[in-house]
Amino acid sequence: MAKQKFKKVVITQKKSTISQTLRQKRTISALGLGKINRSVEKELSPQVAGMISKVNHLIEVKEV
């Protein structure tokens, strides 16, 4: 089974998680974020796309 090629995206945290639910805080942490203006580069797999959709009000996503 060949590995699929996914698009790369840069995810940047733009808002704080202070007043957010525990689930959203853990999602931000699982994405590798945690501080405002921190960025990570990820492959846009279905799992990552689902995580992005759950915290899209806290982050900014750009294609690479």
PDB file of N, CA and C in Angstrom:
ATOM      1  N   MET A   1       0.837  -1.182   0.000  1.00  0.00           N
ATOM      2  CA  MET A   1       0.000   0.000   0.000  1.00  0.00           C
ATOM      3  C   MET A   1       0.884   1.248   0.000  1.00  0.00           C
ATOM      4  N   ALA A   2       0.757   2.066  -1.004  1.00  0.00           N
ATOM      5  CA  ALA A   2       1.582   3.254  -1.157  1.00  0.00           C
ATOM      6  C   ALA A   2       1.100   4.376  -0.249  1.00  0.00           C
ATOM      7  N   LYS A   3       2.052   5.160   0.231  1.00  0.00           N
ATOM      8  CA  LYS A   3       1.714   6.302   1.080  1.00  0.00           C
ATOM      9  C   LYS A   3       1.150   7.421   0.215  1.00  0.00           C
ATOM     10  N   GLN A   4       0.034   7.996   0.665  1.00  0.00           N
ATOM     11  CA  GLN A   4      -0.586   9.080  -0.092  1.00  0.00           C
ATOM     12  C   GLN A   4       0.188  10.372   0.114  1.00  0.00           C
ATOM     13  N   LYS A   5       0.167  11.213  -0.896  1.00  0.00           N
ATOM     14  CA  LYS A   5       0.779  12.535  -0.804  1.00  0.00           C
ATOM     15  C   LYS A   5      -0.284  13.534  -0.365  1.00  0.00           C
ATOM     16  N   PHE A   6      -0.079  14.153   0.766  1.00  0.00           N
ATOM     17  CA  PHE A   6      -0.988  15.173   1.257  1.00  0.00           C
ATOM     18  C   PHE A   6      -0.349  16.541   1.073  1.00  0.00           C
ATOM     19  N   LYS A   7      -1.204  17.563   0.968  1.00  0.00           N
ATOM     20  CA  LYS A   7      -0.700  18.932   0.880  1.00  0.00           C
ATOM     21  C   LYS A   7      -0.106  19.333   2.217  1.00  0.00           C
ATOM     22  N   LYS A   8       0.862  20.214   2.171  1.00  0.00           N
ATOM     23  CA  LYS A   8       1.455  20.751   3.398  1.00  0.00           C
ATOM     24  C   LYS A   8       0.763  22.065   3.737  1.00  0.00           C
ATOM     25  N   VAL A   9       0.528  22.273   5.031  1.00  0.00           N
ATOM     26  CA  VAL A   9      -0.060  23.521   5.501  1.00  0.00           C
ATOM     27  C   VAL A   9       0.742  24.026   6.692  1.00  0.00           C
ATOM     28  N   VAL A  10       0.752  25.332   6.858  1.00  0.00           N
ATOM     29  CA  VAL A  10       1.359  25.962   8.025  1.00  0.00           C
ATOM     30  C   VAL A  10       0.220  26.434   8.908  1.00  0.00           C
ATOM     31  N   ILE A  11       0.224  25.979  10.157  1.00  0.00           N
ATOM     32  CA  ILE A  11      -0.823  26.323  11.117  1.00  0.00           C
ATOM     33  C   ILE A  11      -0.208  27.253  12.154  1.00  0.00           C
ATOM     34  N   THR A  12      -0.820  28.410  12.348  1.00  0.00           N
ATOM     35  CA  THR A  12      -0.342  29.400  13.304  1.00  0.00           C
ATOM     36  C   THR A  12      -1.441  29.698  14.304  1.00  0.00           C
ATOM     37  N   GLN A  13      -1.094  29.637  15.593  1.00  0.00           N
ATOM     38  CA  GLN A  13      -2.071  29.963  16.626  1.00  0.00           C
ATOM     39  C   GLN A  13      -2.182  31.479  16.730  1.00  0.00           C
ATOM     40  N   LYS A  14      -3.413  32.004  16.637  1.00  0.00           N
ATOM     41  CA  LYS A  14      -3.632  33.440  16.657  1.00  0.00           C
ATOM     42  C   LYS A  14      -4.359  33.928  17.905  1.00  0.00           C
ATOM     43  N   LYS A  15      -5.039  33.038  18.620  1.00  0.00           N
ATOM     44  CA  LYS A  15      -5.770  33.438  19.822  1.00  0.00           C
ATOM     45  C   LYS A  15      -5.408  32.508  20.972  1.00  0.00           C
ATOM     46  N   SER A  16      -5.626  32.998  22.187  1.00  0.00           N
ATOM     47  CA  SER A  16      -5.331  32.251  23.392  1.00  0.00           C
ATOM     48  C   SER A  16      -6.368  31.160  23.643  1.00  0.00           C
ATOM     49  N   THR A  17      -5.961  30.141  24.388  1.00  0.00           N
ATOM     50  CA  THR A  17      -6.875  29.062  24.746  1.00  0.00           C
ATOM     51  C   THR A  17      -7.407  29.207  26.171  1.00  0.00           C
ATOM     52  N   ILE A  18      -7.194  30.346  26.797  1.00  0.00           N
ATOM     53  CA  ILE A  18      -7.552  30.519  28.208  1.00  0.00           C
ATOM     54  C   ILE A  18      -9.028  30.234  28.476  1.00  0.00           C
ATOM     55  N   SER A  19      -9.920  30.803  27.712  1.00  0.00           N
ATOM     56  CA  SER A  19     -11.346  30.631  27.994  1.00  0.00           C
ATOM     57  C   SER A  19     -11.986  29.532  27.145  1.00  0.00           C
ATOM     58  N   GLN A  20     -11.172  28.635  26.580  1.00  0.00           N
ATOM     59  CA  GLN A  20     -11.683  27.569  25.716  1.00  0.00           C
ATOM     60  C   GLN A  20     -11.901  26.292  26.526  1.00  0.00           C
ATOM     61  N   THR A  21     -12.608  25.354  25.924  1.00  0.00           N
ATOM     62  CA  THR A  21     -12.868  24.080  26.590  1.00  0.00           C
ATOM     63  C   THR A  21     -11.596  23.239  26.654  1.00  0.00           C
ATOM     64  N   LEU A  22     -11.597  22.266  27.540  1.00  0.00           N
ATOM     65  CA  LEU A  22     -10.441  21.382  27.690  1.00  0.00           C
ATOM     66  C   LEU A  22     -10.162  20.618  26.399  1.00  0.00           C
ATOM     67  N   ARG A  23     -11.218  20.238  25.701  1.00  0.00           N
ATOM     68  CA  ARG A  23     -11.063  19.513  24.427  1.00  0.00           C
ATOM     69  C   ARG A  23     -10.323  20.370  23.401  1.00  0.00           C
ATOM     70  N   GLN A  24     -10.655  21.656  23.322  1.00  0.00           N
ATOM     71  CA  GLN A  24      -9.987  22.550  22.374  1.00  0.00           C
ATOM     72  C   GLN A  24      -8.535  22.788  22.794  1.00  0.00           C
ATOM     73  N   LYS A  25      -8.270  22.898  24.083  1.00  0.00           N
ATOM     74  CA  LYS A  25      -6.897  23.070  24.561  1.00  0.00           C
ATOM     75  C   LYS A  25      -6.048  21.867  24.198  1.00  0.00           C
ATOM     76  N   ARG A  26      -6.620  20.676  24.345  1.00  0.00           N
ATOM     77  CA  ARG A  26      -5.883  19.458  24.015  1.00  0.00           C
ATOM     78  C   ARG A  26      -5.679  19.318  22.515  1.00  0.00           C
ATOM     79  N   THR A  27      -6.621  19.791  21.713  1.00  0.00           N
ATOM     80  CA  THR A  27      -6.470  19.760  20.259  1.00  0.00           C
ATOM     81  C   THR A  27      -5.339  20.682  19.820  1.00  0.00           C
ATOM     82  N   ILE A  28      -5.281  21.883  20.396  1.00  0.00           N
ATOM     83  CA  ILE A  28      -4.182  22.815  20.098  1.00  0.00           C
ATOM     84  C   ILE A  28      -2.849  22.182  20.473  1.00  0.00           C
ATOM     85  N   SER A  29      -2.794  21.547  21.626  1.00  0.00           N
ATOM     86  CA  SER A  29      -1.574  20.885  22.073  1.00  0.00           C
ATOM     87  C   SER A  29      -1.190  19.744  21.138  1.00  0.00           C
ATOM     88  N   ALA A  30      -2.165  18.971  20.680  1.00  0.00           N
ATOM     89  CA  ALA A  30      -1.892  17.857  19.772  1.00  0.00           C
ATOM     90  C   ALA A  30      -1.392  18.331  18.415  1.00  0.00           C
ATOM     91  N   LEU A  31      -1.783  19.537  18.024  1.00  0.00           N
ATOM     92  CA  LEU A  31      -1.282  20.102  16.771  1.00  0.00           C
ATOM     93  C   LEU A  31       0.148  20.616  16.917  1.00  0.00           C
ATOM     94  N   GLY A  32       0.653  20.687  18.145  1.00  0.00           N
ATOM     95  CA  GLY A  32       2.017  21.164  18.372  1.00  0.00           C
ATOM     96  C   GLY A  32       2.086  22.639  18.663  1.00  0.00           C
ATOM     97  N   LEU A  33       0.943  23.236  18.989  1.00  0.00           N
ATOM     98  CA  LEU A  33       0.896  24.661  19.299  1.00  0.00           C
ATOM     99  C   LEU A  33       0.782  24.837  20.808  1.00  0.00           C
ATOM    100  N   GLY A  34       0.539  26.043  21.275  1.00  0.00           N
ATOM    101  CA  GLY A  34       0.390  26.264  22.704  1.00  0.00           C
ATOM    102  C   GLY A  34       0.636  27.704  23.090  1.00  0.00           C
ATOM    103  N   LYS A  35       1.303  28.444  22.235  1.00  0.00           N
ATOM    104  CA  LYS A  35       1.536  29.859  22.484  1.00  0.00           C
ATOM    105  C   LYS A  35       1.119  30.647  21.251  1.00  0.00           C
ATOM    106  N   ILE A  36       0.685  31.863  21.466  1.00  0.00           N
ATOM    107  CA  ILE A  36       0.247  32.710  20.371  1.00  0.00           C
ATOM    108  C   ILE A  36       1.428  32.983  19.430  1.00  0.00           C
ATOM    109  N   ASN A  37       1.160  32.961  18.146  1.00  0.00           N
ATOM    110  CA  ASN A  37       2.120  33.181  17.047  1.00  0.00           C
ATOM    111  C   ASN A  37       3.102  32.027  16.854  1.00  0.00           C
ATOM    112  N   ARG A  38       2.894  30.909  17.492  1.00  0.00           N
ATOM    113  CA  ARG A  38       3.711  29.725  17.226  1.00  0.00           C
ATOM    114  C   ARG A  38       3.157  29.039  15.980  1.00  0.00           C
ATOM    115  N   SER A  39       4.043  28.573  15.109  1.00  0.00           N
ATOM    116  CA  SER A  39       3.632  27.944  13.857  1.00  0.00           C
ATOM    117  C   SER A  39       4.212  26.544  13.740  1.00  0.00           C
ATOM    118  N   VAL A  40       3.460  25.662  13.089  1.00  0.00           N
ATOM    119  CA  VAL A  40       3.939  24.322  12.775  1.00  0.00           C
ATOM    120  C   VAL A  40       3.546  23.999  11.341  1.00  0.00           C
ATOM    121  N   GLU A  41       4.320  23.130  10.710  1.00  0.00           N
ATOM    122  CA  GLU A  41       4.010  22.680   9.351  1.00  0.00           C
ATOM    123  C   GLU A  41       3.554  21.232   9.432  1.00  0.00           C
ATOM    124  N   LYS A  42       2.386  20.952   8.885  1.00  0.00           N
ATOM    125  CA  LYS A  42       1.796  19.610   8.937  1.00  0.00           C
ATOM    126  C   LYS A  42       1.321  19.207   7.556  1.00  0.00           C
ATOM    127  N   GLU A  43       1.204  17.886   7.359  1.00  0.00           N
ATOM    128  CA  GLU A  43       0.553  17.378   6.156  1.00  0.00           C
ATOM    129  C   GLU A  43      -0.942  17.377   6.415  1.00  0.00           C
ATOM    130  N   LEU A  44      -1.717  17.780   5.429  1.00  0.00           N
ATOM    131  CA  LEU A  44      -3.158  17.929   5.584  1.00  0.00           C
ATOM    132  C   LEU A  44      -3.860  16.582   5.390  1.00  0.00           C
ATOM    133  N   SER A  45      -3.695  15.701   6.370  1.00  0.00           N
ATOM    134  CA  SER A  45      -4.383  14.407   6.361  1.00  0.00           C
ATOM    135  C   SER A  45      -5.808  14.623   6.864  1.00  0.00           C
ATOM    136  N   PRO A  46      -6.690  13.658   6.702  1.00  0.00           N
ATOM    137  CA  PRO A  46      -8.063  13.813   7.214  1.00  0.00           C
ATOM    138  C   PRO A  46      -8.111  14.049   8.725  1.00  0.00           C
ATOM    139  N   GLN A  47      -7.179  13.448   9.461  1.00  0.00           N
ATOM    140  CA  GLN A  47      -7.155  13.634  10.912  1.00  0.00           C
ATOM    141  C   GLN A  47      -6.792  15.078  11.273  1.00  0.00           C
ATOM    142  N   VAL A  48      -5.774  15.611  10.625  1.00  0.00           N
ATOM    143  CA  VAL A  48      -5.353  16.988  10.889  1.00  0.00           C
ATOM    144  C   VAL A  48      -6.426  17.968  10.421  1.00  0.00           C
ATOM    145  N   ALA A  49      -7.081  17.684   9.301  1.00  0.00           N
ATOM    146  CA  ALA A  49      -8.150  18.555   8.807  1.00  0.00           C
ATOM    147  C   ALA A  49      -9.301  18.619   9.806  1.00  0.00           C
ATOM    148  N   GLY A  50      -9.623  17.501  10.446  1.00  0.00           N
ATOM    149  CA  GLY A  50     -10.666  17.484  11.463  1.00  0.00           C
ATOM    150  C   GLY A  50     -10.278  18.301  12.681  1.00  0.00           C
ATOM    151  N   MET A  51      -9.022  18.207  13.088  1.00  0.00           N
ATOM    152  CA  MET A  51      -8.544  18.989  14.232  1.00  0.00           C
ATOM    153  C   MET A  51      -8.576  20.482  13.907  1.00  0.00           C
ATOM    154  N   ILE A  52      -8.205  20.830  12.686  1.00  0.00           N
ATOM    155  CA  ILE A  52      -8.226  22.232  12.266  1.00  0.00           C
ATOM    156  C   ILE A  52      -9.651  22.768  12.295  1.00  0.00           C
ATOM    157  N   SER A  53     -10.601  21.986  11.842  1.00  0.00           N
ATOM    158  CA  SER A  53     -11.988  22.463  11.807  1.00  0.00           C
ATOM    159  C   SER A  53     -12.555  22.682  13.203  1.00  0.00           C
ATOM    160  N   LYS A  54     -12.067  21.950  14.197  1.00  0.00           N
ATOM    161  CA  LYS A  54     -12.575  22.092  15.563  1.00  0.00           C
ATOM    162  C   LYS A  54     -12.031  23.337  16.268  1.00  0.00           C
ATOM    163  N   VAL A  55     -10.864  23.821  15.858  1.00  0.00           N
ATOM    164  CA  VAL A  55     -10.269  24.991  16.514  1.00  0.00           C
ATOM    165  C   VAL A  55      -9.963  26.104  15.509  1.00  0.00           C
ATOM    166  N   ASN A  56     -10.743  26.178  14.434  1.00  0.00           N
ATOM    167  CA  ASN A  56     -10.449  27.151  13.368  1.00  0.00           C
ATOM    168  C   ASN A  56     -10.597  28.593  13.828  1.00  0.00           C
ATOM    169  N   HIS A  57     -11.297  28.842  14.929  1.00  0.00           N
ATOM    170  CA  HIS A  57     -11.443  30.204  15.440  1.00  0.00           C
ATOM    171  C   HIS A  57     -10.204  30.650  16.223  1.00  0.00           C
ATOM    172  N   LEU A  58      -9.290  29.728  16.502  1.00  0.00           N
ATOM    173  CA  LEU A  58      -8.080  30.048  17.262  1.00  0.00           C
ATOM    174  C   LEU A  58      -6.821  30.068  16.399  1.00  0.00           C
ATOM    175  N   ILE A  59      -6.916  29.552  15.185  1.00  0.00           N
ATOM    176  CA  ILE A  59      -5.736  29.379  14.350  1.00  0.00           C
ATOM    177  C   ILE A  59      -5.899  30.022  12.978  1.00  0.00           C
ATOM    178  N   GLU A  60      -4.778  30.098  12.273  1.00  0.00           N
ATOM    179  CA  GLU A  60      -4.753  30.556  10.884  1.00  0.00           C
ATOM    180  C   GLU A  60      -4.003  29.506  10.087  1.00  0.00           C
ATOM    181  N   VAL A  61      -4.561  29.130   8.923  1.00  0.00           N
ATOM    182  CA  VAL A  61      -3.989  28.049   8.115  1.00  0.00           C
ATOM    183  C   VAL A  61      -3.600  28.602   6.739  1.00  0.00           C
ATOM    184  N   LYS A  62      -2.362  28.283   6.321  1.00  0.00           N
ATOM    185  CA  LYS A  62      -1.878  28.679   4.986  1.00  0.00           C
ATOM    186  C   LYS A  62      -1.299  27.455   4.299  1.00  0.00           C
ATOM    187  N   GLU A  63      -1.552  27.344   2.999  1.00  0.00           N
ATOM    188  CA  GLU A  63      -0.951  26.268   2.215  1.00  0.00           C
ATOM    189  C   GLU A  63       0.487  26.611   1.879  1.00  0.00           C
ATOM    190  N   VAL A  64       1.318  25.580   1.813  1.00  0.00           N
ATOM    191  CA  VAL A  64       2.732  25.789   1.461  1.00  0.00           C
ATOM    192  C   VAL A  64       2.920  25.450   0.005  1.00  0.00           C
TER     193      VAL A  64
END
